[in-house]
Amino acid sequence: MTVIRWILGKIILLLNAVFSPRGIKRTQEQQASVDTKAQSLALYQFEHALSA
């Protein structure tokens, strides 16, 4: 059982490395444009209050 778990773990790590998303490559001008557009945005975290 330990050998099977080890092999499956290695397969999962390999698939994770192969299919992990890559970051977006932008030029400095494009990144500056995105930064200026994002300045007016706000990030909120909504927490639903559970009623007892």
PDB file of N, CA and C in Angstrom:
ATOM      1  N   MET A   1       0.824  -1.198   0.000  1.00  0.00           N
ATOM      2  CA  MET A   1       0.000   0.000   0.000  1.00  0.00           C
ATOM      3  C   MET A   1       0.868   1.262   0.000  1.00  0.00           C
ATOM      4  N   THR A   2       1.963   1.224   0.734  1.00  0.00           N
ATOM      5  CA  THR A   2       2.853   2.387   0.798  1.00  0.00           C
ATOM      6  C   THR A   2       3.475   2.673  -0.564  1.00  0.00           C
ATOM      7  N   VAL A   3       3.824   1.625  -1.288  1.00  0.00           N
ATOM      8  CA  VAL A   3       4.432   1.791  -2.603  1.00  0.00           C
ATOM      9  C   VAL A   3       3.427   2.421  -3.568  1.00  0.00           C
ATOM     10  N   ILE A   4       2.186   1.975  -3.514  1.00  0.00           N
ATOM     11  CA  ILE A   4       1.152   2.540  -4.387  1.00  0.00           C
ATOM     12  C   ILE A   4       0.948   4.017  -4.083  1.00  0.00           C
ATOM     13  N   ARG A   5       0.899   4.371  -2.800  1.00  0.00           N
ATOM     14  CA  ARG A   5       0.735   5.781  -2.419  1.00  0.00           C
ATOM     15  C   ARG A   5       1.920   6.606  -2.890  1.00  0.00           C
ATOM     16  N   TRP A   6       3.139   6.048  -2.801  1.00  0.00           N
ATOM     17  CA  TRP A   6       4.330   6.782  -3.231  1.00  0.00           C
ATOM     18  C   TRP A   6       4.286   7.024  -4.738  1.00  0.00           C
ATOM     19  N   ILE A   7       3.936   5.982  -5.496  1.00  0.00           N
ATOM     20  CA  ILE A   7       3.870   6.113  -6.956  1.00  0.00           C
ATOM     21  C   ILE A   7       2.787   7.112  -7.356  1.00  0.00           C
ATOM     22  N   LEU A   8       1.603   6.999  -6.751  1.00  0.00           N
ATOM     23  CA  LEU A   8       0.528   7.947  -7.070  1.00  0.00           C
ATOM     24  C   LEU A   8       0.905   9.376  -6.688  1.00  0.00           C
ATOM     25  N   GLY A   9       1.603   9.530  -5.568  1.00  0.00           N
ATOM     26  CA  GLY A   9       2.064  10.863  -5.161  1.00  0.00           C
ATOM     27  C   GLY A   9       3.002  11.475  -6.177  1.00  0.00           C
ATOM     28  N   LYS A  10       3.934  10.657  -6.707  1.00  0.00           N
ATOM     29  CA  LYS A  10       4.869  11.152  -7.718  1.00  0.00           C
ATOM     30  C   LYS A  10       4.143  11.504  -9.009  1.00  0.00           C
ATOM     31  N   ILE A  11       3.153  10.697  -9.381  1.00  0.00           N
ATOM     32  CA  ILE A  11       2.372  10.997 -10.586  1.00  0.00           C
ATOM     33  C   ILE A  11       1.605  12.303 -10.415  1.00  0.00           C
ATOM     34  N   ILE A  12       1.008  12.503  -9.258  1.00  0.00           N
ATOM     35  CA  ILE A  12       0.259  13.740  -8.997  1.00  0.00           C
ATOM     36  C   ILE A  12       1.189  14.948  -9.034  1.00  0.00           C
ATOM     37  N   LEU A  13       2.369  14.830  -8.453  1.00  0.00           N
ATOM     38  CA  LEU A  13       3.330  15.938  -8.486  1.00  0.00           C
ATOM     39  C   LEU A  13       3.772  16.248  -9.915  1.00  0.00           C
ATOM     40  N   LEU A  14       3.978  15.213 -10.713  1.00  0.00           N
ATOM     41  CA  LEU A  14       4.375  15.422 -12.104  1.00  0.00           C
ATOM     42  C   LEU A  14       3.267  16.111 -12.886  1.00  0.00           C
ATOM     43  N   LEU A  15       2.036  15.634 -12.736  1.00  0.00           N
ATOM     44  CA  LEU A  15       0.912  16.255 -13.442  1.00  0.00           C
ATOM     45  C   LEU A  15       0.694  17.691 -12.982  1.00  0.00           C
ATOM     46  N   ASN A  16       0.903  17.953 -11.701  1.00  0.00           N
ATOM     47  CA  ASN A  16       0.768  19.309 -11.181  1.00  0.00           C
ATOM     48  C   ASN A  16       1.809  20.233 -11.808  1.00  0.00           C
ATOM     49  N   ALA A  17       3.024  19.754 -11.976  1.00  0.00           N
ATOM     50  CA  ALA A  17       4.075  20.569 -12.584  1.00  0.00           C
ATOM     51  C   ALA A  17       3.814  20.799 -14.064  1.00  0.00           C
ATOM     52  N   VAL A  18       3.300  19.789 -14.747  1.00  0.00           N
ATOM     53  CA  VAL A  18       3.070  19.902 -16.188  1.00  0.00           C
ATOM     54  C   VAL A  18       1.892  20.811 -16.496  1.00  0.00           C
ATOM     55  N   PHE A  19       0.820  20.683 -15.736  1.00  0.00           N
ATOM     56  CA  PHE A  19      -0.416  21.397 -16.059  1.00  0.00           C
ATOM     57  C   PHE A  19      -0.682  22.617 -15.182  1.00  0.00           C
ATOM     58  N   SER A  20       0.295  23.070 -14.415  1.00  0.00           N
ATOM     59  CA  SER A  20       0.077  24.257 -13.589  1.00  0.00           C
ATOM     60  C   SER A  20       0.013  25.501 -14.473  1.00  0.00           C
ATOM     61  N   PRO A  21      -0.861  26.453 -14.120  1.00  0.00           N
ATOM     62  CA  PRO A  21      -0.998  27.649 -14.956  1.00  0.00           C
ATOM     63  C   PRO A  21       0.247  28.533 -14.886  1.00  0.00           C
ATOM     64  N   ARG A  22       0.525  29.183 -15.970  1.00  0.00           N
ATOM     65  CA  ARG A  22       1.669  30.101 -16.050  1.00  0.00           C
ATOM     66  C   ARG A  22       1.169  31.537 -15.914  1.00  0.00           C
ATOM     67  N   GLY A  23       2.027  32.392 -15.430  1.00  0.00           N
ATOM     68  CA  GLY A  23       1.673  33.793 -15.301  1.00  0.00           C
ATOM     69  C   GLY A  23       1.596  34.480 -16.653  1.00  0.00           C
ATOM     70  N   ILE A  24       0.889  35.586 -16.689  1.00  0.00           N
ATOM     71  CA  ILE A  24       0.741  36.352 -17.926  1.00  0.00           C
ATOM     72  C   ILE A  24       2.013  37.164 -18.152  1.00  0.00           C
ATOM     73  N   LYS A  25       2.535  37.078 -19.357  1.00  0.00           N
ATOM     74  CA  LYS A  25       3.725  37.852 -19.720  1.00  0.00           C
ATOM     75  C   LYS A  25       3.266  39.156 -20.364  1.00  0.00           C
ATOM     76  N   ARG A  26       3.608  40.283 -19.739  1.00  0.00           N
ATOM     77  CA  ARG A  26       3.247  41.601 -20.268  1.00  0.00           C
ATOM     78  C   ARG A  26       4.491  42.466 -20.376  1.00  0.00           C
ATOM     79  N   THR A  27       4.434  43.399 -21.316  1.00  0.00           N
ATOM     80  CA  THR A  27       5.499  44.397 -21.382  1.00  0.00           C
ATOM     81  C   THR A  27       5.275  45.393 -20.246  1.00  0.00           C
ATOM     82  N   GLN A  28       6.256  46.230 -20.001  1.00  0.00           N
ATOM     83  CA  GLN A  28       6.121  47.217 -18.927  1.00  0.00           C
ATOM     84  C   GLN A  28       5.000  48.206 -19.222  1.00  0.00           C
ATOM     85  N   GLU A  29       4.824  48.546 -20.493  1.00  0.00           N
ATOM     86  CA  GLU A  29       3.756  49.481 -20.862  1.00  0.00           C
ATOM     87  C   GLU A  29       2.381  48.850 -20.638  1.00  0.00           C
ATOM     88  N   GLN A  30       2.246  47.593 -21.011  1.00  0.00           N
ATOM     89  CA  GLN A  30       0.973  46.907 -20.798  1.00  0.00           C
ATOM     90  C   GLN A  30       0.675  46.767 -19.305  1.00  0.00           C
ATOM     91  N   GLN A  31       1.700  46.446 -18.506  1.00  0.00           N
ATOM     92  CA  GLN A  31       1.495  46.302 -17.067  1.00  0.00           C
ATOM     93  C   GLN A  31       1.128  47.640 -16.443  1.00  0.00           C
ATOM     94  N   ALA A  32       1.740  48.722 -16.898  1.00  0.00           N
ATOM     95  CA  ALA A  32       1.397  50.043 -16.384  1.00  0.00           C
ATOM     96  C   ALA A  32      -0.055  50.379 -16.704  1.00  0.00           C
ATOM     97  N   SER A  33      -0.512  50.013 -17.890  1.00  0.00           N
ATOM     98  CA  SER A  33      -1.899  50.249 -18.267  1.00  0.00           C
ATOM     99  C   SER A  33      -2.846  49.457 -17.377  1.00  0.00           C
ATOM    100  N   VAL A  34      -2.522  48.209 -17.114  1.00  0.00           N
ATOM    101  CA  VAL A  34      -3.360  47.381 -16.242  1.00  0.00           C
ATOM    102  C   VAL A  34      -3.358  47.947 -14.821  1.00  0.00           C
ATOM    103  N   ASP A  35      -2.209  48.385 -14.352  1.00  0.00           N
ATOM    104  CA  ASP A  35      -2.116  48.949 -13.003  1.00  0.00           C
ATOM    105  C   ASP A  35      -2.983  50.194 -12.847  1.00  0.00           C
ATOM    106  N   THR A  36      -2.972  51.076 -13.848  1.00  0.00           N
ATOM    107  CA  THR A  36      -3.785  52.294 -13.741  1.00  0.00           C
ATOM    108  C   THR A  36      -5.278  51.963 -13.785  1.00  0.00           C
ATOM    109  N   LYS A  37      -5.653  50.971 -14.600  1.00  0.00           N
ATOM    110  CA  LYS A  37      -7.060  50.575 -14.647  1.00  0.00           C
ATOM    111  C   LYS A  37      -7.511  49.907 -13.343  1.00  0.00           C
ATOM    112  N   ALA A  38      -6.596  49.206 -12.687  1.00  0.00           N
ATOM    113  CA  ALA A  38      -6.939  48.481 -11.473  1.00  0.00           C
ATOM    114  C   ALA A  38      -6.943  49.366 -10.224  1.00  0.00           C
ATOM    115  N   GLN A  39      -6.424  50.580 -10.315  1.00  0.00           N
ATOM    116  CA  GLN A  39      -6.380  51.460  -9.144  1.00  0.00           C
ATOM    117  C   GLN A  39      -7.766  51.825  -8.644  1.00  0.00           C
ATOM    118  N   SER A  40      -8.738  51.878  -9.540  1.00  0.00           N
ATOM    119  CA  SER A  40     -10.084  52.265  -9.118  1.00  0.00           C
ATOM    120  C   SER A  40     -10.895  51.086  -8.586  1.00  0.00           C
ATOM    121  N   LEU A  41     -10.327  49.893  -8.641  1.00  0.00           N
ATOM    122  CA  LEU A  41     -11.038  48.706  -8.169  1.00  0.00           C
ATOM    123  C   LEU A  41     -10.749  48.455  -6.694  1.00  0.00           C
ATOM    124  N   ALA A  42     -11.692  47.804  -6.032  1.00  0.00           N
ATOM    125  CA  ALA A  42     -11.513  47.448  -4.626  1.00  0.00           C
ATOM    126  C   ALA A  42     -11.824  45.970  -4.454  1.00  0.00           C
ATOM    127  N   LEU A  43     -11.118  45.350  -3.541  1.00  0.00           N
ATOM    128  CA  LEU A  43     -11.320  43.940  -3.267  1.00  0.00           C
ATOM    129  C   LEU A  43     -12.042  43.816  -1.927  1.00  0.00           C
ATOM    130  N   TYR A  44     -13.172  43.144  -1.946  1.00  0.00           N
ATOM    131  CA  TYR A  44     -13.959  42.958  -0.737  1.00  0.00           C
ATOM    132  C   TYR A  44     -14.069  41.485  -0.414  1.00  0.00           C
ATOM    133  N   GLN A  45     -14.129  41.180   0.871  1.00  0.00           N
ATOM    134  CA  GLN A  45     -14.356  39.807   1.310  1.00  0.00           C
ATOM    135  C   GLN A  45     -15.707  39.770   1.998  1.00  0.00           C
ATOM    136  N   PHE A  46     -16.613  38.983   1.446  1.00  0.00           N
ATOM    137  CA  PHE A  46     -17.948  38.878   1.988  1.00  0.00           C
ATOM    138  C   PHE A  46     -17.984  37.707   2.956  1.00  0.00           C
ATOM    139  N   GLU A  47     -18.424  37.970   4.169  1.00  0.00           N
ATOM    140  CA  GLU A  47     -18.573  36.908   5.156  1.00  0.00           C
ATOM    141  C   GLU A  47     -20.038  36.814   5.507  1.00  0.00           C
ATOM    142  N   HIS A  48     -20.592  35.660   5.258  1.00  0.00           N
ATOM    143  CA  HIS A  48     -22.004  35.432   5.533  1.00  0.00           C
ATOM    144  C   HIS A  48     -22.157  35.134   7.024  1.00  0.00           C
ATOM    145  N   ALA A  49     -22.971  35.904   7.688  1.00  0.00           N
ATOM    146  CA  ALA A  49     -23.218  35.707   9.105  1.00  0.00           C
ATOM    147  C   ALA A  49     -24.232  34.575   9.271  1.00  0.00           C
ATOM    148  N   LEU A  50     -23.835  33.586  10.018  1.00  0.00           N
ATOM    149  CA  LEU A  50     -24.734  32.463  10.276  1.00  0.00           C
ATOM    150  C   LEU A  50     -25.640  32.813  11.460  1.00  0.00           C
ATOM    151  N   SER A  51     -26.922  32.647  11.245  1.00  0.00           N
ATOM    152  CA  SER A  51     -27.845  32.911  12.354  1.00  0.00           C
ATOM    153  C   SER A  51     -27.977  31.650  13.190  1.00  0.00           C
ATOM    154  N   ALA A  52     -27.955  31.846  14.484  1.00  0.00           N
ATOM    155  CA  ALA A  52     -27.996  30.688  15.403  1.00  0.00           C
ATOM    156  C   ALA A  52     -29.410  30.293  15.729  1.00  0.00           C
TER     157      ALA A  52
END
